[in-house]
C-alpha cells in the first residue's frame, strides 16, 4: 500500500511540474485598482495555496461549531 501512495505522490508531482513548465507565459491580473503581471504558473500555485489555506480554516471552523454545538446539547 505504501508503494501505491508513493506512486500516486510521484504522479501528482510530475503533473504539477509539467503544468508549471508549460504555463510560464506572463499574464496580467487585475483586482479593483491593483494590477499585477506574473507568470501563469506562479498565479496557479498561489491560487492553489490560498485554496488550501481557506479550505483548512473553513474545515476547522465547521469542526469547532460542531464540537460547541454537541457540548451545549449535552449540558441541556
C-alpha atoms as a PDB file:
ATOM      1  CA  UNK A   1       0.000   0.000   0.000  1.00  0.00           C
ATOM      2  CA  UNK A   2       2.894   2.349   0.754  1.00  0.00           C
ATOM      3  CA  UNK A   3       4.282   1.822  -2.752  1.00  0.00           C
ATOM      4  CA  UNK A   4       0.893   2.724  -4.209  1.00  0.00           C
ATOM      5  CA  UNK A   5       0.777   6.016  -2.290  1.00  0.00           C
ATOM      6  CA  UNK A   6       4.361   6.755  -3.306  1.00  0.00           C
ATOM      7  CA  UNK A   7       3.406   6.174  -6.947  1.00  0.00           C
ATOM      8  CA  UNK A   8       0.385   8.483  -6.607  1.00  0.00           C
ATOM      9  CA  UNK A   9       2.518  11.204  -4.997  1.00  0.00           C
ATOM     10  CA  UNK A  10       5.165  10.913  -7.726  1.00  0.00           C
ATOM     11  CA  UNK A  11       2.489  11.077 -10.452  1.00  0.00           C
ATOM     12  CA  UNK A  12       0.894  14.187  -8.921  1.00  0.00           C
ATOM     13  CA  UNK A  13       4.289  15.853  -8.518  1.00  0.00           C
ATOM     14  CA  UNK A  14       5.126  15.075 -12.138  1.00  0.00           C
ATOM     15  CA  UNK A  15       1.804  16.542 -13.313  1.00  0.00           C
ATOM     16  CA  UNK A  16       2.400  19.723 -11.287  1.00  0.00           C
ATOM     17  CA  UNK A  17       5.905  20.114 -12.744  1.00  0.00           C
ATOM     18  CA  UNK A  18       4.530  19.665 -16.278  1.00  0.00           C
ATOM     19  CA  UNK A  19       1.828  22.259 -15.521  1.00  0.00           C
ATOM     20  CA  UNK A  20       4.425  24.731 -14.286  1.00  0.00           C
ATOM     21  CA  UNK A  21       6.759  24.239 -17.244  1.00  0.00           C
ATOM     22  CA  UNK A  22       4.010  24.551 -19.855  1.00  0.00           C
ATOM     23  CA  UNK A  23       2.380  27.641 -18.322  1.00  0.00           C
ATOM     24  CA  UNK A  24       5.246  30.041 -17.863  1.00  0.00           C
ATOM     25  CA  UNK A  25       3.765  32.834 -20.036  1.00  0.00           C
ATOM     26  CA  UNK A  26       3.193  36.151 -18.293  1.00  0.00           C
ATOM     27  CA  UNK A  27      -0.392  37.162 -17.569  1.00  0.00           C
ATOM     28  CA  UNK A  28      -1.870  40.327 -16.141  1.00  0.00           C
ATOM     29  CA  UNK A  29      -4.161  40.074 -13.143  1.00  0.00           C
ATOM     30  CA  UNK A  30      -6.360  42.992 -12.150  1.00  0.00           C
ATOM     31  CA  UNK A  31      -8.298  43.298  -8.898  1.00  0.00           C
ATOM     32  CA  UNK A  32     -10.157  46.529  -8.198  1.00  0.00           C
ATOM     33  CA  UNK A  33      -7.462  49.201  -8.683  1.00  0.00           C
ATOM     34  CA  UNK A  34      -4.437  46.891  -8.472  1.00  0.00           C
ATOM     35  CA  UNK A  35      -2.726  45.291 -11.431  1.00  0.00           C
ATOM     36  CA  UNK A  36      -0.031  42.655 -11.445  1.00  0.00           C
ATOM     37  CA  UNK A  37       1.912  40.865 -14.186  1.00  0.00           C
ATOM     38  CA  UNK A  38       3.304  37.459 -13.295  1.00  0.00           C
ATOM     39  CA  UNK A  39       3.841  34.006 -14.801  1.00  0.00           C
ATOM     40  CA  UNK A  40       0.661  31.953 -15.063  1.00  0.00           C
ATOM     41  CA  UNK A  41       2.338  29.054 -13.255  1.00  0.00           C
ATOM     42  CA  UNK A  42       3.021  31.283 -10.240  1.00  0.00           C
ATOM     43  CA  UNK A  43      -0.573  32.519 -10.261  1.00  0.00           C
ATOM     44  CA  UNK A  44      -1.881  28.947 -10.382  1.00  0.00           C
ATOM     45  CA  UNK A  45       0.296  27.913  -7.436  1.00  0.00           C
ATOM     46  CA  UNK A  46      -0.745  30.965  -5.415  1.00  0.00           C
ATOM     47  CA  UNK A  47      -4.438  30.293  -6.028  1.00  0.00           C
ATOM     48  CA  UNK A  48      -3.939  26.629  -5.119  1.00  0.00           C
ATOM     49  CA  UNK A  49      -2.177  27.507  -1.859  1.00  0.00           C
ATOM     50  CA  UNK A  50      -4.812  30.107  -0.958  1.00  0.00           C
ATOM     51  CA  UNK A  51      -7.487  27.497  -1.598  1.00  0.00           C
ATOM     52  CA  UNK A  52      -5.724  25.021   0.678  1.00  0.00           C
ATOM     53  CA  UNK A  53      -5.432  27.573   3.477  1.00  0.00           C
ATOM     54  CA  UNK A  54      -9.024  28.763   3.186  1.00  0.00           C
ATOM     55  CA  UNK A  55     -10.334  25.198   2.948  1.00  0.00           C
ATOM     56  CA  UNK A  56      -8.399  24.143   6.045  1.00  0.00           C
ATOM     57  CA  UNK A  57      -9.622  27.141   8.031  1.00  0.00           C
ATOM     58  CA  UNK A  58     -13.220  26.547   6.917  1.00  0.00           C
ATOM     59  CA  UNK A  59     -12.980  22.893   7.913  1.00  0.00           C
ATOM     60  CA  UNK A  60     -11.564  23.908  11.304  1.00  0.00           C
ATOM     61  CA  UNK A  61     -14.391  26.380  11.845  1.00  0.00           C
ATOM     62  CA  UNK A  62     -17.004  23.740  10.994  1.00  0.00           C
ATOM     63  CA  UNK A  63     -15.395  21.268  13.397  1.00  0.00           C
ATOM     64  CA  UNK A  64     -15.371  23.879  16.181  1.00  0.00           C
ATOM     65  CA  UNK A  65     -19.032  24.689  15.571  1.00  0.00           C
ATOM     66  CA  UNK A  66     -19.959  21.004  15.675  1.00  0.00           C
ATOM     67  CA  UNK A  67     -17.970  20.469  18.863  1.00  0.00           C
ATOM     68  CA  UNK A  68     -19.506  23.521  20.544  1.00  0.00           C
ATOM     69  CA  UNK A  69     -22.982  22.518  19.394  1.00  0.00           C
ATOM     70  CA  UNK A  70     -22.607  18.984  20.760  1.00  0.00           C
ATOM     71  CA  UNK A  71     -21.234  20.285  24.042  1.00  0.00           C
ATOM     72  CA  UNK A  72     -24.226  22.573  24.532  1.00  0.00           C
ATOM     73  CA  UNK A  73     -26.675  19.789  23.692  1.00  0.00           C
ATOM     74  CA  UNK A  74     -25.148  17.568  26.394  1.00  0.00           C
ATOM     75  CA  UNK A  75     -25.487  20.267  29.068  1.00  0.00           C
ATOM     76  CA  UNK A  76     -29.218  20.716  28.477  1.00  0.00           C
END
